[in-house]
Amino acid sequence: MSLLRRLRDLLRELGRATRASSVELIAWEHRELENLFALLVLGPAAGIPSPASLATLDLLPELERELVVLLSRARESGDPLAELVSTFDVT
């Protein structure tokens, strides 16, 4: 019975390790998809050609958190251009 118990424990640990690895991979993919989404919508600010304007405007509410972070970093940078951009209240 000891051999069966060890085998069962081994398979249980393998299952845990596989699930943990899968969760990490899914979390990484989620972060990357968020970054890609933000790049598609906010890309024109960095000079990247954007998708159609109406589609971008429809998607902007989904990026409220990213816009708040962008504006707070612009305020904190001390750059004159950043200070100019931070005068536009988006929140």
N, C-alpha and C. Protein backbone atom coordinates (compact mmCIF):
# COMPACT_ATOMS: atom_id res chain seq x y z
N MET A 1 0.81 -1.19 0.00
CA MET A 1 0.00 0.00 0.00
C MET A 1 0.85 1.26 0.00
N SER A 2 2.00 1.20 0.56
CA SER A 2 2.87 2.35 0.63
C SER A 2 3.23 2.85 -0.76
N LEU A 3 3.43 1.93 -1.68
CA LEU A 3 3.77 2.30 -3.06
C LEU A 3 2.60 3.02 -3.71
N LEU A 4 1.39 2.53 -3.49
CA LEU A 4 0.21 3.18 -4.06
C LEU A 4 0.00 4.58 -3.46
N ARG A 5 0.25 4.71 -2.19
CA ARG A 5 0.11 6.00 -1.53
C ARG A 5 1.14 6.99 -2.08
N ARG A 6 2.36 6.54 -2.28
CA ARG A 6 3.39 7.42 -2.84
C ARG A 6 3.05 7.83 -4.26
N LEU A 7 2.55 6.88 -5.03
CA LEU A 7 2.17 7.18 -6.40
C LEU A 7 1.02 8.20 -6.42
N ARG A 8 0.04 8.02 -5.54
CA ARG A 8 -1.08 8.95 -5.45
C ARG A 8 -0.59 10.34 -5.05
N ASP A 9 0.31 10.41 -4.09
CA ASP A 9 0.88 11.69 -3.66
C ASP A 9 1.67 12.35 -4.77
N LEU A 10 2.42 11.56 -5.51
CA LEU A 10 3.19 12.09 -6.63
C LEU A 10 2.27 12.68 -7.70
N LEU A 11 1.21 11.96 -8.03
CA LEU A 11 0.27 12.46 -9.03
C LEU A 11 -0.46 13.70 -8.54
N ARG A 12 -0.76 13.76 -7.27
CA ARG A 12 -1.41 14.93 -6.69
C ARG A 12 -0.50 16.15 -6.79
N GLU A 13 0.77 15.98 -6.49
CA GLU A 13 1.73 17.09 -6.57
C GLU A 13 1.94 17.53 -8.02
N LEU A 14 1.98 16.57 -8.92
CA LEU A 14 2.11 16.93 -10.34
C LEU A 14 0.90 17.76 -10.80
N GLY A 15 -0.28 17.38 -10.34
CA GLY A 15 -1.49 18.14 -10.68
C GLY A 15 -1.43 19.55 -10.13
N ARG A 16 -0.97 19.71 -8.90
CA ARG A 16 -0.85 21.05 -8.31
C ARG A 16 0.15 21.91 -9.08
N ALA A 17 1.28 21.32 -9.41
CA ALA A 17 2.31 22.06 -10.15
C ALA A 17 1.80 22.48 -11.52
N THR A 18 1.09 21.59 -12.18
CA THR A 18 0.55 21.90 -13.50
C THR A 18 -0.49 23.01 -13.42
N ARG A 19 -1.36 22.96 -12.42
CA ARG A 19 -2.38 24.01 -12.26
C ARG A 19 -1.73 25.35 -11.95
N ALA A 20 -0.73 25.36 -11.09
CA ALA A 20 -0.05 26.62 -10.75
C ALA A 20 0.61 27.22 -11.98
N SER A 21 1.25 26.38 -12.77
CA SER A 21 1.91 26.86 -13.99
C SER A 21 0.87 27.40 -14.98
N SER A 22 -0.26 26.71 -15.08
CA SER A 22 -1.31 27.15 -16.00
C SER A 22 -1.89 28.50 -15.57
N VAL A 23 -2.10 28.67 -14.28
CA VAL A 23 -2.66 29.94 -13.78
C VAL A 23 -1.68 31.08 -14.04
N GLU A 24 -0.40 30.85 -13.83
CA GLU A 24 0.60 31.89 -14.10
C GLU A 24 0.61 32.26 -15.57
N LEU A 25 0.51 31.26 -16.44
CA LEU A 25 0.51 31.50 -17.87
C LEU A 25 -0.72 32.30 -18.30
N ILE A 26 -1.87 31.96 -17.76
CA ILE A 26 -3.09 32.69 -18.09
C ILE A 26 -3.02 34.12 -17.58
N ALA A 27 -2.49 34.34 -16.39
CA ALA A 27 -2.34 35.69 -15.85
C ALA A 27 -1.39 36.52 -16.73
N TRP A 28 -0.30 35.91 -17.17
CA TRP A 28 0.64 36.62 -18.06
C TRP A 28 -0.05 36.98 -19.37
N GLU A 29 -0.82 36.04 -19.93
CA GLU A 29 -1.50 36.31 -21.20
C GLU A 29 -2.53 37.42 -21.02
N HIS A 30 -3.21 37.45 -19.89
CA HIS A 30 -4.18 38.51 -19.61
C HIS A 30 -3.50 39.88 -19.57
N ARG A 31 -2.36 39.96 -18.90
CA ARG A 31 -1.62 41.23 -18.84
C ARG A 31 -1.17 41.66 -20.24
N GLU A 32 -0.70 40.72 -21.02
CA GLU A 32 -0.25 41.06 -22.37
C GLU A 32 -1.41 41.53 -23.25
N LEU A 33 -2.57 40.90 -23.11
CA LEU A 33 -3.73 41.34 -23.89
C LEU A 33 -4.18 42.73 -23.46
N GLU A 34 -4.11 43.03 -22.16
CA GLU A 34 -4.42 44.39 -21.71
C GLU A 34 -3.44 45.40 -22.30
N ASN A 35 -2.17 45.05 -22.33
CA ASN A 35 -1.17 45.95 -22.91
C ASN A 35 -1.42 46.17 -24.40
N LEU A 36 -1.76 45.10 -25.11
CA LEU A 36 -2.04 45.22 -26.54
C LEU A 36 -3.27 46.08 -26.78
N PHE A 37 -4.29 45.89 -25.97
CA PHE A 37 -5.51 46.69 -26.08
C PHE A 37 -5.20 48.17 -25.86
N ALA A 38 -4.44 48.45 -24.82
CA ALA A 38 -4.07 49.84 -24.54
C ALA A 38 -3.24 50.43 -25.68
N LEU A 39 -2.36 49.64 -26.24
CA LEU A 39 -1.54 50.12 -27.35
C LEU A 39 -2.39 50.43 -28.57
N LEU A 40 -3.39 49.59 -28.83
CA LEU A 40 -4.26 49.85 -29.98
C LEU A 40 -5.07 51.12 -29.80
N VAL A 41 -5.56 51.34 -28.58
CA VAL A 41 -6.42 52.50 -28.35
C VAL A 41 -5.62 53.77 -28.13
N LEU A 42 -4.52 53.68 -27.38
CA LEU A 42 -3.73 54.87 -27.06
C LEU A 42 -2.49 55.02 -27.93
N GLY A 43 -2.36 54.19 -28.93
CA GLY A 43 -1.19 54.22 -29.80
C GLY A 43 -0.91 55.54 -30.47
N PRO A 44 -1.93 56.27 -30.91
CA PRO A 44 -1.65 57.55 -31.57
C PRO A 44 -0.87 58.52 -30.68
N ALA A 45 -0.99 58.40 -29.38
CA ALA A 45 -0.23 59.28 -28.48
C ALA A 45 1.27 59.01 -28.60
N ALA A 46 1.63 57.81 -29.03
CA ALA A 46 3.03 57.46 -29.20
C ALA A 46 3.44 57.48 -30.67
N GLY A 47 2.54 57.89 -31.54
CA GLY A 47 2.86 57.97 -32.96
C GLY A 47 2.61 56.70 -33.73
N ILE A 48 1.90 55.76 -33.14
CA ILE A 48 1.58 54.50 -33.83
C ILE A 48 0.24 54.68 -34.54
N PRO A 49 0.14 54.29 -35.80
CA PRO A 49 -1.14 54.44 -36.50
C PRO A 49 -2.25 53.71 -35.75
N SER A 50 -3.41 54.34 -35.72
CA SER A 50 -4.50 53.79 -34.92
C SER A 50 -5.57 53.15 -35.78
N PRO A 51 -6.43 52.35 -35.14
CA PRO A 51 -7.60 51.85 -35.86
C PRO A 51 -8.58 52.99 -36.12
N ALA A 52 -9.71 52.68 -36.67
CA ALA A 52 -10.71 53.71 -37.01
C ALA A 52 -11.06 54.55 -35.79
N SER A 53 -11.26 55.83 -36.00
CA SER A 53 -11.51 56.76 -34.90
C SER A 53 -12.75 56.41 -34.10
N LEU A 54 -13.82 56.03 -34.77
CA LEU A 54 -15.05 55.71 -34.04
C LEU A 54 -14.85 54.50 -33.14
N ALA A 55 -14.11 53.52 -33.63
CA ALA A 55 -13.84 52.34 -32.80
C ALA A 55 -13.00 52.73 -31.59
N THR A 56 -12.04 53.61 -31.80
CA THR A 56 -11.20 54.07 -30.69
C THR A 56 -12.03 54.82 -29.66
N LEU A 57 -12.91 55.69 -30.11
CA LEU A 57 -13.75 56.44 -29.19
C LEU A 57 -14.69 55.52 -28.40
N ASP A 58 -15.18 54.48 -29.05
CA ASP A 58 -16.05 53.54 -28.34
C ASP A 58 -15.29 52.77 -27.27
N LEU A 59 -14.00 52.55 -27.49
CA LEU A 59 -13.20 51.75 -26.55
C LEU A 59 -12.55 52.58 -25.45
N LEU A 60 -12.53 53.89 -25.57
CA LEU A 60 -11.87 54.73 -24.57
C LEU A 60 -12.41 54.54 -23.14
N PRO A 61 -13.71 54.37 -22.93
CA PRO A 61 -14.18 54.16 -21.55
C PRO A 61 -13.57 52.92 -20.89
N GLU A 62 -13.18 51.95 -21.67
CA GLU A 62 -12.56 50.74 -21.11
C GLU A 62 -11.16 51.03 -20.57
N LEU A 63 -10.57 52.14 -20.98
CA LEU A 63 -9.20 52.48 -20.59
C LEU A 63 -9.14 53.61 -19.57
N GLU A 64 -10.20 53.80 -18.83
CA GLU A 64 -10.22 54.89 -17.87
C GLU A 64 -9.08 54.78 -16.86
N ARG A 65 -8.84 53.57 -16.35
CA ARG A 65 -7.78 53.38 -15.36
C ARG A 65 -6.42 53.72 -15.95
N GLU A 66 -6.17 53.29 -17.19
CA GLU A 66 -4.88 53.57 -17.82
C GLU A 66 -4.70 55.06 -18.08
N LEU A 67 -5.78 55.75 -18.43
CA LEU A 67 -5.69 57.20 -18.65
C LEU A 67 -5.39 57.94 -17.35
N VAL A 68 -5.98 57.49 -16.25
CA VAL A 68 -5.70 58.11 -14.96
C VAL A 68 -4.23 57.94 -14.60
N VAL A 69 -3.70 56.74 -14.82
CA VAL A 69 -2.28 56.49 -14.54
C VAL A 69 -1.40 57.35 -15.45
N LEU A 70 -1.75 57.43 -16.72
CA LEU A 70 -0.99 58.21 -17.67
C LEU A 70 -0.94 59.68 -17.25
N LEU A 71 -2.08 60.22 -16.87
CA LEU A 71 -2.13 61.63 -16.48
C LEU A 71 -1.42 61.87 -15.15
N SER A 72 -1.52 60.94 -14.22
CA SER A 72 -0.82 61.15 -12.95
C SER A 72 0.69 61.10 -13.15
N ARG A 73 1.16 60.24 -14.02
CA ARG A 73 2.60 60.21 -14.31
C ARG A 73 3.03 61.47 -15.03
N ALA A 74 2.16 61.99 -15.89
CA ALA A 74 2.49 63.23 -16.59
C ALA A 74 2.59 64.39 -15.62
N ARG A 75 1.70 64.41 -14.61
CA ARG A 75 1.75 65.47 -13.60
C ARG A 75 3.01 65.41 -12.77
N GLU A 76 3.46 64.21 -12.47
CA GLU A 76 4.61 64.03 -11.58
C GLU A 76 5.95 64.18 -12.27
N SER A 77 5.96 64.23 -13.58
CA SER A 77 7.25 64.21 -14.29
C SER A 77 7.98 65.55 -14.27
N GLY A 78 7.26 66.66 -14.12
CA GLY A 78 7.90 67.97 -14.12
C GLY A 78 8.25 68.46 -15.51
N ASP A 79 7.81 67.80 -16.53
CA ASP A 79 8.05 68.17 -17.92
C ASP A 79 7.01 69.21 -18.34
N PRO A 80 7.41 70.29 -18.99
CA PRO A 80 6.42 71.31 -19.40
C PRO A 80 5.33 70.75 -20.32
N LEU A 81 5.70 69.87 -21.23
CA LEU A 81 4.70 69.27 -22.10
C LEU A 81 3.75 68.39 -21.29
N ALA A 82 4.30 67.68 -20.31
CA ALA A 82 3.46 66.84 -19.44
C ALA A 82 2.52 67.72 -18.62
N GLU A 83 2.99 68.86 -18.18
CA GLU A 83 2.12 69.76 -17.42
C GLU A 83 0.99 70.28 -18.30
N LEU A 84 1.28 70.53 -19.56
CA LEU A 84 0.25 70.98 -20.49
C LEU A 84 -0.80 69.88 -20.69
N VAL A 85 -0.34 68.66 -20.88
CA VAL A 85 -1.28 67.55 -21.08
C VAL A 85 -2.09 67.29 -19.83
N SER A 86 -1.49 67.47 -18.66
CA SER A 86 -2.21 67.19 -17.42
C SER A 86 -3.31 68.20 -17.14
N THR A 87 -3.34 69.32 -17.86
CA THR A 87 -4.42 70.28 -17.66
C THR A 87 -5.74 69.77 -18.21
N PHE A 88 -5.72 68.78 -19.10
CA PHE A 88 -6.95 68.20 -19.63
C PHE A 88 -7.46 67.19 -18.61
N ASP A 89 -8.53 67.53 -17.94
CA ASP A 89 -9.07 66.66 -16.89
C ASP A 89 -9.91 65.55 -17.53
N VAL A 90 -9.39 64.33 -17.45
CA VAL A 90 -10.06 63.19 -18.06
C VAL A 90 -10.94 62.46 -17.06
N THR A 91 -10.60 62.53 -15.78
CA THR A 91 -11.32 61.75 -14.77
C THR A 91 -12.69 62.24 -14.48
